[in-house]
Amino acid sequence: MVNDPAARHSLVGPADLWEMKRQFQIDFLRRAGLMPSHELLDFGCGTLRGGIPLIEYLQPGHYTGVEVRREVLEEGRRELEESGLTVKRPCLVSCDDLASLDLGRRFDVAWAFAVLIHLDDGILDEALGLVRRHLQPTGVFYATVNVGEKATGAWQGFPIVFRSLDFYRDAFRRHGLAVEDIGSLPTHGHLHPRASAEDQERQRMLRAVVA
């Protein structure tokens, strides 16, 4: 059990940036048109760093979070209890078999913040299949990615991958999704104090809809 918020959220990113990254997610999605009545899928929800304000904003039962690391999601459940938001009845799912996961509902908005950058090609394919199976015909999927050519790194046992936009267009298209690059993260208000301007420009926001 982790009691310090920054330490808890260091499981999903830099401990000193958790508040900025939390606020960025709700701000971006609200500007993009997220309404309290929408059903939202938070793919890679982690410790609910971004999930807590979304759960608070959405109507009860309208937030679903999926996370592959069971122990990380347990910290998210503790975060939920400490925030007094269990009454909002979010659905939190731990799953390491994305290909067969059936959540039993469709979503107006799917969201993957700092998640696709940690998936190898095979898992990415399964993740996109999961999103497509669960997206409403009029739904939208937002995801952050690293674009460009840079050596693959590692973080907490996951890869850090850089791919071309053409790669993502092809990958999304295979699952019946049309995707567009809607700008770098800084243009949407995500400013990393230690990343170079060049590295931040590589961090892109993708928007996908059912083709």
N, C-alpha and C. Protein backbone atom coordinates (compact mmCIF):
# COMPACT_ATOMS: atom_id res chain seq x y z
N MET A 1 0.85 -1.19 0.00
CA MET A 1 0.00 0.00 0.00
C MET A 1 0.88 1.24 0.00
N VAL A 2 0.51 2.21 -0.82
CA VAL A 2 1.23 3.48 -0.91
C VAL A 2 0.32 4.59 -0.41
N ASN A 3 0.78 5.37 0.55
CA ASN A 3 -0.07 6.40 1.15
C ASN A 3 0.17 7.79 0.57
N ASP A 4 1.38 8.07 0.11
CA ASP A 4 1.69 9.38 -0.45
C ASP A 4 1.22 9.44 -1.90
N PRO A 5 0.39 10.45 -2.27
CA PRO A 5 -0.12 10.51 -3.64
C PRO A 5 0.96 10.51 -4.71
N ALA A 6 2.01 11.30 -4.49
CA ALA A 6 3.07 11.38 -5.50
C ALA A 6 3.76 10.03 -5.65
N ALA A 7 4.01 9.35 -4.52
CA ALA A 7 4.65 8.04 -4.58
C ALA A 7 3.75 7.03 -5.28
N ARG A 8 2.46 7.10 -4.99
CA ARG A 8 1.51 6.19 -5.64
C ARG A 8 1.54 6.39 -7.14
N HIS A 9 1.49 7.63 -7.56
CA HIS A 9 1.39 7.89 -9.00
C HIS A 9 2.73 7.79 -9.70
N SER A 10 3.82 7.62 -8.93
CA SER A 10 5.11 7.33 -9.57
C SER A 10 5.09 5.96 -10.24
N LEU A 11 4.09 5.14 -9.90
CA LEU A 11 3.92 3.85 -10.57
C LEU A 11 3.50 4.02 -12.02
N VAL A 12 3.03 5.21 -12.38
CA VAL A 12 2.57 5.45 -13.75
C VAL A 12 3.26 6.65 -14.41
N GLY A 13 4.25 7.23 -13.74
CA GLY A 13 4.96 8.36 -14.34
C GLY A 13 5.75 9.14 -13.31
N PRO A 14 6.36 10.25 -13.71
CA PRO A 14 7.16 11.06 -12.79
C PRO A 14 6.35 11.52 -11.59
N ALA A 15 6.87 11.27 -10.39
CA ALA A 15 6.11 11.59 -9.18
C ALA A 15 5.79 13.07 -9.06
N ASP A 16 6.71 13.93 -9.52
CA ASP A 16 6.50 15.37 -9.35
C ASP A 16 5.55 15.96 -10.38
N LEU A 17 5.15 15.17 -11.37
CA LEU A 17 4.28 15.70 -12.42
C LEU A 17 2.86 15.13 -12.36
N TRP A 18 2.55 14.37 -11.30
CA TRP A 18 1.26 13.69 -11.30
C TRP A 18 0.09 14.66 -11.28
N GLU A 19 0.21 15.79 -10.57
CA GLU A 19 -0.90 16.74 -10.53
C GLU A 19 -1.13 17.36 -11.90
N MET A 20 -0.03 17.74 -12.59
CA MET A 20 -0.16 18.32 -13.93
C MET A 20 -0.80 17.33 -14.88
N LYS A 21 -0.33 16.08 -14.84
CA LYS A 21 -0.85 15.07 -15.75
C LYS A 21 -2.29 14.70 -15.43
N ARG A 22 -2.65 14.73 -14.16
CA ARG A 22 -4.05 14.50 -13.78
C ARG A 22 -4.94 15.59 -14.36
N GLN A 23 -4.56 16.84 -14.13
CA GLN A 23 -5.40 17.95 -14.59
C GLN A 23 -5.47 18.02 -16.11
N PHE A 24 -4.35 17.70 -16.77
CA PHE A 24 -4.35 17.75 -18.23
C PHE A 24 -5.43 16.84 -18.82
N GLN A 25 -5.59 15.66 -18.25
CA GLN A 25 -6.50 14.68 -18.86
C GLN A 25 -7.96 15.15 -18.82
N ILE A 26 -8.41 15.59 -17.66
CA ILE A 26 -9.80 16.06 -17.58
C ILE A 26 -9.99 17.33 -18.41
N ASP A 27 -8.99 18.21 -18.39
CA ASP A 27 -9.12 19.45 -19.18
C ASP A 27 -9.21 19.14 -20.67
N PHE A 28 -8.33 18.25 -21.14
CA PHE A 28 -8.35 17.94 -22.57
C PHE A 28 -9.68 17.31 -22.97
N LEU A 29 -10.13 16.33 -22.22
CA LEU A 29 -11.33 15.61 -22.61
C LEU A 29 -12.57 16.50 -22.54
N ARG A 30 -12.62 17.37 -21.57
CA ARG A 30 -13.77 18.28 -21.52
C ARG A 30 -13.76 19.24 -22.70
N ARG A 31 -12.58 19.74 -23.05
CA ARG A 31 -12.50 20.61 -24.22
C ARG A 31 -12.87 19.86 -25.50
N ALA A 32 -12.57 18.57 -25.52
CA ALA A 32 -12.87 17.74 -26.70
C ALA A 32 -14.35 17.36 -26.77
N GLY A 33 -15.12 17.71 -25.75
CA GLY A 33 -16.57 17.48 -25.81
C GLY A 33 -17.11 16.43 -24.87
N LEU A 34 -16.27 15.90 -23.96
CA LEU A 34 -16.77 14.90 -23.02
C LEU A 34 -17.86 15.51 -22.14
N MET A 35 -19.00 14.81 -22.06
CA MET A 35 -20.12 15.25 -21.25
C MET A 35 -20.33 14.29 -20.09
N PRO A 36 -20.93 14.75 -18.98
CA PRO A 36 -21.16 13.85 -17.84
C PRO A 36 -21.97 12.62 -18.20
N SER A 37 -22.80 12.72 -19.21
CA SER A 37 -23.66 11.59 -19.61
C SER A 37 -22.94 10.57 -20.48
N HIS A 38 -21.74 10.88 -20.94
CA HIS A 38 -21.01 9.96 -21.81
C HIS A 38 -20.48 8.76 -21.03
N GLU A 39 -20.37 7.65 -21.73
CA GLU A 39 -19.69 6.46 -21.21
C GLU A 39 -18.23 6.53 -21.67
N LEU A 40 -17.30 6.42 -20.72
CA LEU A 40 -15.88 6.57 -21.05
C LEU A 40 -15.09 5.32 -20.69
N LEU A 41 -14.25 4.89 -21.62
CA LEU A 41 -13.30 3.80 -21.40
C LEU A 41 -11.91 4.39 -21.24
N ASP A 42 -11.31 4.19 -20.08
CA ASP A 42 -9.95 4.66 -19.80
C ASP A 42 -9.04 3.45 -19.89
N PHE A 43 -8.39 3.29 -21.04
CA PHE A 43 -7.54 2.13 -21.28
C PHE A 43 -6.15 2.39 -20.73
N GLY A 44 -5.72 1.56 -19.80
CA GLY A 44 -4.46 1.79 -19.11
C GLY A 44 -4.65 2.80 -18.00
N CYS A 45 -5.67 2.60 -17.19
CA CYS A 45 -6.07 3.60 -16.19
C CYS A 45 -5.11 3.69 -15.02
N GLY A 46 -4.26 2.69 -14.82
CA GLY A 46 -3.23 2.74 -13.79
C GLY A 46 -3.77 2.96 -12.39
N THR A 47 -3.20 3.94 -11.70
CA THR A 47 -3.57 4.25 -10.32
C THR A 47 -4.74 5.23 -10.23
N LEU A 48 -5.40 5.48 -11.34
CA LEU A 48 -6.46 6.49 -11.45
C LEU A 48 -5.92 7.90 -11.28
N ARG A 49 -4.65 8.07 -11.66
CA ARG A 49 -4.07 9.41 -11.66
C ARG A 49 -4.96 10.35 -12.46
N GLY A 50 -5.33 9.96 -13.66
CA GLY A 50 -6.25 10.76 -14.45
C GLY A 50 -7.70 10.39 -14.23
N GLY A 51 -7.93 9.21 -13.68
CA GLY A 51 -9.30 8.71 -13.56
C GLY A 51 -10.14 9.40 -12.51
N ILE A 52 -9.52 9.83 -11.40
CA ILE A 52 -10.31 10.40 -10.30
C ILE A 52 -11.15 11.60 -10.74
N PRO A 53 -10.58 12.64 -11.38
CA PRO A 53 -11.45 13.75 -11.80
C PRO A 53 -12.46 13.34 -12.87
N LEU A 54 -12.14 12.33 -13.67
CA LEU A 54 -13.10 11.86 -14.67
C LEU A 54 -14.26 11.15 -14.00
N ILE A 55 -13.96 10.33 -13.01
CA ILE A 55 -15.02 9.64 -12.27
C ILE A 55 -15.92 10.65 -11.58
N GLU A 56 -15.31 11.68 -11.01
CA GLU A 56 -16.08 12.73 -10.33
C GLU A 56 -16.98 13.48 -11.30
N TYR A 57 -16.49 13.70 -12.51
CA TYR A 57 -17.21 14.49 -13.52
C TYR A 57 -18.35 13.70 -14.16
N LEU A 58 -18.12 12.42 -14.42
CA LEU A 58 -19.10 11.62 -15.13
C LEU A 58 -20.23 11.16 -14.21
N GLN A 59 -21.37 10.84 -14.83
CA GLN A 59 -22.48 10.29 -14.07
C GLN A 59 -22.09 8.94 -13.47
N PRO A 60 -22.73 8.53 -12.38
CA PRO A 60 -22.40 7.24 -11.75
C PRO A 60 -22.44 6.09 -12.74
N GLY A 61 -21.42 5.24 -12.68
CA GLY A 61 -21.37 4.06 -13.53
C GLY A 61 -20.90 4.31 -14.94
N HIS A 62 -20.49 5.53 -15.27
CA HIS A 62 -20.15 5.86 -16.65
C HIS A 62 -18.64 5.82 -16.92
N TYR A 63 -17.85 5.50 -15.92
CA TYR A 63 -16.40 5.37 -16.10
C TYR A 63 -16.01 3.91 -15.99
N THR A 64 -15.25 3.44 -17.00
CA THR A 64 -14.67 2.09 -16.96
C THR A 64 -13.17 2.21 -17.17
N GLY A 65 -12.39 1.66 -16.25
CA GLY A 65 -10.95 1.67 -16.37
C GLY A 65 -10.42 0.25 -16.54
N VAL A 66 -9.48 0.08 -17.46
CA VAL A 66 -8.86 -1.23 -17.71
C VAL A 66 -7.36 -1.08 -17.49
N GLU A 67 -6.79 -2.01 -16.74
CA GLU A 67 -5.36 -1.96 -16.41
C GLU A 67 -4.80 -3.37 -16.40
N VAL A 68 -3.60 -3.55 -17.00
CA VAL A 68 -3.01 -4.89 -17.06
C VAL A 68 -2.26 -5.25 -15.78
N ARG A 69 -1.81 -4.26 -15.02
CA ARG A 69 -1.04 -4.54 -13.80
C ARG A 69 -1.97 -4.54 -12.59
N ARG A 70 -2.22 -5.73 -12.07
CA ARG A 70 -3.19 -5.88 -10.99
C ARG A 70 -2.81 -5.06 -9.76
N GLU A 71 -1.50 -5.08 -9.40
CA GLU A 71 -1.08 -4.38 -8.19
C GLU A 71 -1.21 -2.87 -8.34
N VAL A 72 -1.06 -2.37 -9.57
CA VAL A 72 -1.22 -0.94 -9.82
C VAL A 72 -2.69 -0.55 -9.71
N LEU A 73 -3.57 -1.38 -10.24
CA LEU A 73 -5.00 -1.10 -10.14
C LEU A 73 -5.47 -1.14 -8.69
N GLU A 74 -4.86 -1.99 -7.87
CA GLU A 74 -5.21 -2.01 -6.44
C GLU A 74 -4.92 -0.66 -5.80
N GLU A 75 -3.83 -0.02 -6.21
CA GLU A 75 -3.55 1.33 -5.71
C GLU A 75 -4.62 2.31 -6.21
N GLY A 76 -5.10 2.07 -7.42
CA GLY A 76 -6.19 2.90 -7.94
C GLY A 76 -7.46 2.74 -7.12
N ARG A 77 -7.75 1.52 -6.69
CA ARG A 77 -8.93 1.29 -5.85
C ARG A 77 -8.80 2.02 -4.51
N ARG A 78 -7.59 2.03 -3.96
CA ARG A 78 -7.37 2.76 -2.71
C ARG A 78 -7.53 4.26 -2.94
N GLU A 79 -7.03 4.73 -4.07
CA GLU A 79 -7.19 6.15 -4.42
C GLU A 79 -8.67 6.51 -4.51
N LEU A 80 -9.45 5.62 -5.11
CA LEU A 80 -10.88 5.84 -5.25
C LEU A 80 -11.54 5.96 -3.87
N GLU A 81 -11.22 5.05 -2.97
CA GLU A 81 -11.80 5.09 -1.62
C GLU A 81 -11.39 6.34 -0.88
N GLU A 82 -10.11 6.69 -0.96
CA GLU A 82 -9.62 7.87 -0.26
C GLU A 82 -10.25 9.16 -0.80
N SER A 83 -10.64 9.12 -2.07
CA SER A 83 -11.25 10.30 -2.70
C SER A 83 -12.74 10.39 -2.41
N GLY A 84 -13.30 9.37 -1.78
CA GLY A 84 -14.72 9.37 -1.46
C GLY A 84 -15.62 9.23 -2.67
N LEU A 85 -15.10 8.55 -3.72
CA LEU A 85 -15.86 8.48 -4.97
C LEU A 85 -16.39 7.07 -5.29
N THR A 86 -16.38 6.18 -4.31
CA THR A 86 -16.93 4.85 -4.58
C THR A 86 -18.41 4.92 -4.94
N VAL A 87 -19.09 5.97 -4.48
CA VAL A 87 -20.52 6.14 -4.78
C VAL A 87 -20.75 6.36 -6.27
N LYS A 88 -19.71 6.74 -7.02
CA LYS A 88 -19.86 6.94 -8.46
C LYS A 88 -19.80 5.62 -9.22
N ARG A 89 -19.53 4.54 -8.54
CA ARG A 89 -19.59 3.17 -9.08
C ARG A 89 -18.82 2.99 -10.39
N PRO A 90 -17.57 3.39 -10.43
CA PRO A 90 -16.78 3.10 -11.64
C PRO A 90 -16.53 1.60 -11.76
N CYS A 91 -16.37 1.14 -12.98
CA CYS A 91 -16.02 -0.25 -13.24
C CYS A 91 -14.51 -0.32 -13.48
N LEU A 92 -13.79 -1.02 -12.61
CA LEU A 92 -12.34 -1.13 -12.72
C LEU A 92 -11.99 -2.58 -12.99
N VAL A 93 -11.29 -2.81 -14.12
CA VAL A 93 -11.04 -4.17 -14.60
C VAL A 93 -9.55 -4.40 -14.76
N SER A 94 -9.06 -5.47 -14.14
CA SER A 94 -7.68 -5.90 -14.35
C SER A 94 -7.69 -7.01 -15.38
N CYS A 95 -6.92 -6.83 -16.46
CA CYS A 95 -6.96 -7.80 -17.55
C CYS A 95 -5.61 -7.87 -18.25
N ASP A 96 -5.11 -9.10 -18.42
CA ASP A 96 -3.88 -9.28 -19.18
C ASP A 96 -4.13 -10.05 -20.48
N ASP A 97 -5.41 -10.19 -20.85
CA ASP A 97 -5.78 -10.85 -22.11
C ASP A 97 -6.73 -9.93 -22.86
N LEU A 98 -6.16 -8.93 -23.50
CA LEU A 98 -6.97 -7.91 -24.16
C LEU A 98 -7.77 -8.46 -25.32
N ALA A 99 -7.25 -9.49 -25.96
CA ALA A 99 -7.90 -10.03 -27.16
C ALA A 99 -9.28 -10.61 -26.86
N SER A 100 -9.49 -11.11 -25.65
CA SER A 100 -10.76 -11.76 -25.34
C SER A 100 -11.64 -10.95 -24.39
N LEU A 101 -11.17 -9.79 -23.95
CA LEU A 101 -11.93 -9.02 -22.98
C LEU A 101 -13.24 -8.50 -23.58
N ASP A 102 -14.34 -8.73 -22.87
CA ASP A 102 -15.65 -8.22 -23.26
C ASP A 102 -16.23 -7.48 -22.06
N LEU A 103 -16.34 -6.17 -22.18
CA LEU A 103 -16.82 -5.35 -21.07
C LEU A 103 -18.34 -5.23 -21.03
N GLY A 104 -19.00 -5.74 -22.05
CA GLY A 104 -20.46 -5.77 -22.05
C GLY A 104 -21.14 -4.45 -22.28
N ARG A 105 -20.42 -3.49 -22.82
CA ARG A 105 -21.01 -2.18 -23.11
C ARG A 105 -20.21 -1.48 -24.19
N ARG A 106 -20.80 -0.43 -24.77
CA ARG A 106 -20.12 0.38 -25.76
C ARG A 106 -19.89 1.77 -25.17
N PHE A 107 -18.84 2.44 -25.68
CA PHE A 107 -18.42 3.70 -25.09
C PHE A 107 -18.49 4.84 -26.10
N ASP A 108 -18.84 6.02 -25.57
CA ASP A 108 -18.85 7.23 -26.40
C ASP A 108 -17.43 7.75 -26.61
N VAL A 109 -16.60 7.58 -25.59
CA VAL A 109 -15.22 8.06 -25.65
C VAL A 109 -14.30 6.98 -25.10
N ALA A 110 -13.23 6.69 -25.82
CA ALA A 110 -12.16 5.84 -25.32
C ALA A 110 -10.91 6.71 -25.21
N TRP A 111 -10.09 6.42 -24.18
CA TRP A 111 -8.97 7.30 -23.84
C TRP A 111 -7.78 6.44 -23.47
N ALA A 112 -6.62 6.76 -24.04
CA ALA A 112 -5.39 6.04 -23.69
C ALA A 112 -4.27 7.06 -23.58
N PHE A 113 -4.02 7.51 -22.35
CA PHE A 113 -3.00 8.53 -22.11
C PHE A 113 -1.69 7.87 -21.70
N ALA A 114 -0.63 8.09 -22.49
CA ALA A 114 0.70 7.52 -22.21
C ALA A 114 0.64 6.01 -22.06
N VAL A 115 -0.11 5.37 -22.95
CA VAL A 115 -0.28 3.91 -22.90
C VAL A 115 0.25 3.24 -24.17
N LEU A 116 -0.17 3.71 -25.33
CA LEU A 116 0.26 3.07 -26.58
C LEU A 116 1.77 3.15 -26.76
N ILE A 117 2.39 4.13 -26.12
CA ILE A 117 3.84 4.27 -26.22
C ILE A 117 4.58 3.14 -25.51
N HIS A 118 3.84 2.33 -24.73
CA HIS A 118 4.47 1.23 -23.98
C HIS A 118 4.03 -0.14 -24.47
N LEU A 119 3.43 -0.21 -25.66
CA LEU A 119 2.93 -1.48 -26.18
C LEU A 119 3.75 -1.92 -27.38
N ASP A 120 4.18 -3.18 -27.36
CA ASP A 120 4.83 -3.71 -28.57
C ASP A 120 3.78 -3.91 -29.64
N ASP A 121 4.20 -4.25 -30.84
CA ASP A 121 3.27 -4.27 -31.97
C ASP A 121 2.11 -5.24 -31.76
N GLY A 122 2.39 -6.42 -31.20
CA GLY A 122 1.33 -7.40 -31.00
C GLY A 122 0.29 -6.94 -29.99
N ILE A 123 0.74 -6.38 -28.87
CA ILE A 123 -0.19 -5.90 -27.85
C ILE A 123 -0.94 -4.67 -28.34
N LEU A 124 -0.27 -3.84 -29.12
CA LEU A 124 -0.96 -2.69 -29.72
C LEU A 124 -2.12 -3.16 -30.57
N ASP A 125 -1.91 -4.18 -31.35
CA ASP A 125 -2.97 -4.72 -32.20
C ASP A 125 -4.15 -5.20 -31.36
N GLU A 126 -3.86 -5.89 -30.27
CA GLU A 126 -4.92 -6.36 -29.38
C GLU A 126 -5.65 -5.18 -28.73
N ALA A 127 -4.91 -4.14 -28.36
CA ALA A 127 -5.52 -2.97 -27.73
C ALA A 127 -6.46 -2.25 -28.69
N LEU A 128 -6.03 -2.09 -29.93
CA LEU A 128 -6.88 -1.43 -30.91
C LEU A 128 -8.12 -2.26 -31.20
N GLY A 129 -7.97 -3.58 -31.20
CA GLY A 129 -9.13 -4.45 -31.37
C GLY A 129 -10.11 -4.28 -30.21
N LEU A 130 -9.58 -4.18 -29.00
CA LEU A 130 -10.42 -3.97 -27.82
C LEU A 130 -11.20 -2.66 -27.93
N VAL A 131 -10.51 -1.60 -28.32
CA VAL A 131 -11.18 -0.31 -28.45
C VAL A 131 -12.27 -0.37 -29.51
N ARG A 132 -11.95 -0.93 -30.65
CA ARG A 132 -12.94 -0.98 -31.74
C ARG A 132 -14.17 -1.80 -31.35
N ARG A 133 -13.98 -2.89 -30.64
CA ARG A 133 -15.12 -3.72 -30.22
C ARG A 133 -16.04 -2.98 -29.27
N HIS A 134 -15.49 -2.04 -28.53
CA HIS A 134 -16.27 -1.40 -27.48
C HIS A 134 -16.67 0.04 -27.79
N LEU A 135 -16.29 0.54 -28.95
CA LEU A 135 -16.60 1.92 -29.29
C LEU A 135 -17.96 2.02 -29.97
N GLN A 136 -18.75 2.99 -29.54
CA GLN A 136 -20.02 3.27 -30.21
C GLN A 136 -19.75 3.64 -31.67
N PRO A 137 -20.70 3.38 -32.57
CA PRO A 137 -20.50 3.77 -33.98
C PRO A 137 -20.18 5.26 -34.15
N THR A 138 -20.69 6.08 -33.23
CA THR A 138 -20.42 7.52 -33.28
C THR A 138 -19.35 7.93 -32.26
N GLY A 139 -18.68 6.95 -31.67
CA GLY A 139 -17.71 7.24 -30.62
C GLY A 139 -16.39 7.76 -31.15
N VAL A 140 -15.54 8.20 -30.22
CA VAL A 140 -14.22 8.74 -30.58
C VAL A 140 -13.18 8.19 -29.61
N PHE A 141 -12.00 7.96 -30.15
CA PHE A 141 -10.88 7.42 -29.37
C PHE A 141 -9.73 8.41 -29.45
N TYR A 142 -9.26 8.85 -28.28
CA TYR A 142 -8.10 9.72 -28.19
C TYR A 142 -6.95 8.95 -27.56
N ALA A 143 -5.76 9.10 -28.13
CA ALA A 143 -4.59 8.39 -27.60
C ALA A 143 -3.34 9.22 -27.84
N THR A 144 -2.41 9.16 -26.90
CA THR A 144 -1.12 9.82 -27.07
C THR A 144 -0.09 8.81 -27.56
N VAL A 145 0.78 9.28 -28.44
CA VAL A 145 1.82 8.41 -29.01
C VAL A 145 3.11 9.19 -29.17
N ASN A 146 4.21 8.45 -29.31
CA ASN A 146 5.50 9.04 -29.68
C ASN A 146 5.70 8.84 -31.18
N VAL A 147 5.90 9.91 -31.90
CA VAL A 147 6.06 9.84 -33.35
C VAL A 147 7.49 10.22 -33.72
N GLY A 148 8.07 9.48 -34.64
CA GLY A 148 9.40 9.80 -35.13
C GLY A 148 10.36 8.65 -34.99
N GLU A 149 11.60 8.91 -35.27
CA GLU A 149 12.64 7.89 -35.21
C GLU A 149 13.51 8.15 -34.00
N LYS A 150 13.49 7.23 -33.07
CA LYS A 150 14.31 7.32 -31.87
C LYS A 150 14.47 5.92 -31.32
N ALA A 151 15.58 5.63 -30.70
CA ALA A 151 15.82 4.29 -30.18
C ALA A 151 14.77 3.92 -29.14
N THR A 152 14.32 2.67 -29.18
CA THR A 152 13.36 2.18 -28.21
C THR A 152 14.01 2.09 -26.84
N GLY A 153 13.31 2.58 -25.82
CA GLY A 153 13.81 2.51 -24.46
C GLY A 153 12.98 1.55 -23.63
N ALA A 154 13.04 1.71 -22.31
CA ALA A 154 12.29 0.84 -21.41
C ALA A 154 11.87 1.63 -20.18
N TRP A 155 10.76 1.22 -19.58
CA TRP A 155 10.24 1.87 -18.38
C TRP A 155 9.41 0.85 -17.60
N GLN A 156 9.83 0.56 -16.38
CA GLN A 156 9.12 -0.35 -15.48
C GLN A 156 8.70 -1.66 -16.18
N GLY A 157 9.62 -2.20 -16.96
CA GLY A 157 9.35 -3.46 -17.63
C GLY A 157 8.60 -3.35 -18.94
N PHE A 158 8.24 -2.15 -19.34
CA PHE A 158 7.54 -1.92 -20.61
C PHE A 158 8.48 -1.21 -21.58
N PRO A 159 8.28 -1.43 -22.87
CA PRO A 159 9.08 -0.67 -23.85
C PRO A 159 8.61 0.78 -23.93
N ILE A 160 9.48 1.63 -24.43
CA ILE A 160 9.09 2.99 -24.83
C ILE A 160 9.33 3.05 -26.34
N VAL A 161 8.27 3.13 -27.10
CA VAL A 161 8.39 2.98 -28.55
C VAL A 161 8.07 4.27 -29.29
N PHE A 162 8.74 4.44 -30.42
CA PHE A 162 8.51 5.55 -31.34
C PHE A 162 8.13 4.95 -32.69
N ARG A 163 7.06 5.44 -33.27
CA ARG A 163 6.58 4.91 -34.54
C ARG A 163 6.20 6.06 -35.46
N SER A 164 6.04 5.76 -36.72
CA SER A 164 5.62 6.78 -37.67
C SER A 164 4.10 6.91 -37.65
N LEU A 165 3.64 8.05 -38.13
CA LEU A 165 2.19 8.23 -38.26
C LEU A 165 1.60 7.24 -39.25
N ASP A 166 2.36 6.92 -40.29
CA ASP A 166 1.87 5.93 -41.26
C ASP A 166 1.67 4.57 -40.60
N PHE A 167 2.56 4.21 -39.69
CA PHE A 167 2.40 2.95 -38.96
C PHE A 167 1.07 2.95 -38.21
N TYR A 168 0.80 4.06 -37.50
CA TYR A 168 -0.45 4.12 -36.74
C TYR A 168 -1.67 4.14 -37.66
N ARG A 169 -1.59 4.85 -38.76
CA ARG A 169 -2.72 4.87 -39.69
C ARG A 169 -3.04 3.46 -40.17
N ASP A 170 -2.02 2.69 -40.52
CA ASP A 170 -2.23 1.33 -40.99
C ASP A 170 -2.77 0.44 -39.87
N ALA A 171 -2.22 0.57 -38.67
CA ALA A 171 -2.65 -0.25 -37.54
C ALA A 171 -4.10 0.03 -37.19
N PHE A 172 -4.48 1.29 -37.14
CA PHE A 172 -5.86 1.66 -36.83
C PHE A 172 -6.80 1.20 -37.94
N ARG A 173 -6.35 1.37 -39.19
CA ARG A 173 -7.20 1.00 -40.33
C ARG A 173 -7.54 -0.47 -40.32
N ARG A 174 -6.61 -1.31 -39.88
CA ARG A 174 -6.87 -2.75 -39.83
C ARG A 174 -8.03 -3.08 -38.90
N HIS A 175 -8.34 -2.18 -37.99
CA HIS A 175 -9.43 -2.41 -37.05
C HIS A 175 -10.63 -1.51 -37.33
N GLY A 176 -10.68 -0.97 -38.54
CA GLY A 176 -11.83 -0.18 -38.93
C GLY A 176 -11.89 1.19 -38.28
N LEU A 177 -10.72 1.75 -37.96
CA LEU A 177 -10.66 3.07 -37.34
C LEU A 177 -9.88 4.03 -38.24
N ALA A 178 -10.43 5.20 -38.43
CA ALA A 178 -9.75 6.26 -39.18
C ALA A 178 -9.13 7.21 -38.17
N VAL A 179 -7.82 7.45 -38.30
CA VAL A 179 -7.11 8.21 -37.28
C VAL A 179 -6.46 9.45 -37.88
N GLU A 180 -6.39 10.52 -37.08
CA GLU A 180 -5.69 11.73 -37.49
C GLU A 180 -4.85 12.25 -36.33
N ASP A 181 -3.75 12.89 -36.67
CA ASP A 181 -2.88 13.54 -35.71
C ASP A 181 -3.46 14.94 -35.48
N ILE A 182 -3.84 15.24 -34.22
CA ILE A 182 -4.45 16.55 -33.96
C ILE A 182 -3.51 17.48 -33.20
N GLY A 183 -2.21 17.15 -33.22
CA GLY A 183 -1.24 18.09 -32.68
C GLY A 183 -0.38 17.53 -31.58
N SER A 184 0.68 18.25 -31.27
CA SER A 184 1.58 17.84 -30.20
C SER A 184 0.91 18.07 -28.85
N LEU A 185 1.39 17.36 -27.84
CA LEU A 185 0.80 17.53 -26.50
C LEU A 185 0.95 18.96 -25.98
N PRO A 186 2.09 19.64 -26.20
CA PRO A 186 2.16 21.02 -25.73
C PRO A 186 1.09 21.93 -26.31
N THR A 187 0.68 21.70 -27.56
CA THR A 187 -0.36 22.54 -28.14
C THR A 187 -1.70 22.34 -27.44
N HIS A 188 -1.82 21.22 -26.71
CA HIS A 188 -3.05 20.95 -25.95
C HIS A 188 -2.88 21.24 -24.47
N GLY A 189 -1.73 21.82 -24.09
CA GLY A 189 -1.55 22.25 -22.71
C GLY A 189 -0.70 21.35 -21.84
N HIS A 190 -0.12 20.29 -22.41
CA HIS A 190 0.72 19.38 -21.64
C HIS A 190 2.17 19.82 -21.80
N LEU A 191 2.73 20.45 -20.75
CA LEU A 191 4.09 20.99 -20.82
C LEU A 191 4.97 20.26 -19.82
N HIS A 192 5.98 19.57 -20.33
CA HIS A 192 6.90 18.80 -19.49
C HIS A 192 8.10 19.67 -19.16
N PRO A 193 8.36 19.94 -17.88
CA PRO A 193 9.44 20.89 -17.54
C PRO A 193 10.84 20.41 -17.85
N ARG A 194 11.02 19.10 -18.06
CA ARG A 194 12.38 18.58 -18.28
C ARG A 194 12.60 18.06 -19.70
N ALA A 195 11.55 17.96 -20.50
CA ALA A 195 11.69 17.44 -21.86
C ALA A 195 12.05 18.58 -22.81
N SER A 196 12.91 18.27 -23.76
CA SER A 196 13.28 19.28 -24.75
C SER A 196 12.10 19.59 -25.65
N ALA A 197 12.16 20.73 -26.31
CA ALA A 197 11.10 21.10 -27.25
C ALA A 197 10.97 20.04 -28.34
N GLU A 198 12.10 19.50 -28.78
CA GLU A 198 12.06 18.47 -29.82
C GLU A 198 11.35 17.21 -29.33
N ASP A 199 11.67 16.78 -28.11
CA ASP A 199 11.03 15.58 -27.57
C ASP A 199 9.54 15.80 -27.34
N GLN A 200 9.17 16.99 -26.89
CA GLN A 200 7.75 17.26 -26.68
C GLN A 200 6.99 17.32 -28.00
N GLU A 201 7.65 17.78 -29.04
CA GLU A 201 7.01 17.82 -30.35
C GLU A 201 6.72 16.41 -30.86
N ARG A 202 7.51 15.42 -30.44
CA ARG A 202 7.28 14.03 -30.85
C ARG A 202 6.05 13.42 -30.17
N GLN A 203 5.65 14.01 -29.06
CA GLN A 203 4.49 13.49 -28.33
C GLN A 203 3.23 14.06 -28.96
N ARG A 204 2.44 13.17 -29.57
CA ARG A 204 1.31 13.59 -30.37
C ARG A 204 -0.01 13.06 -29.80
N MET A 205 -1.07 13.77 -30.10
CA MET A 205 -2.42 13.33 -29.75
C MET A 205 -3.10 12.83 -31.02
N LEU A 206 -3.59 11.61 -30.97
CA LEU A 206 -4.33 11.03 -32.09
C LEU A 206 -5.82 11.01 -31.76
N ARG A 207 -6.62 11.23 -32.79
CA ARG A 207 -8.08 11.15 -32.67
C ARG A 207 -8.57 10.14 -33.70
N ALA A 208 -9.31 9.15 -33.27
CA ALA A 208 -9.79 8.11 -34.20
C ALA A 208 -11.29 7.93 -34.06
N VAL A 209 -11.92 7.65 -35.19
CA VAL A 209 -13.36 7.37 -35.22
C VAL A 209 -13.57 6.10 -36.07
N VAL A 210 -14.76 5.55 -35.95
CA VAL A 210 -15.09 4.37 -36.74
C VAL A 210 -15.15 4.76 -38.21
N ALA A 211 -14.40 4.03 -39.01
CA ALA A 211 -14.33 4.35 -40.45
C ALA A 211 -15.61 3.99 -41.17
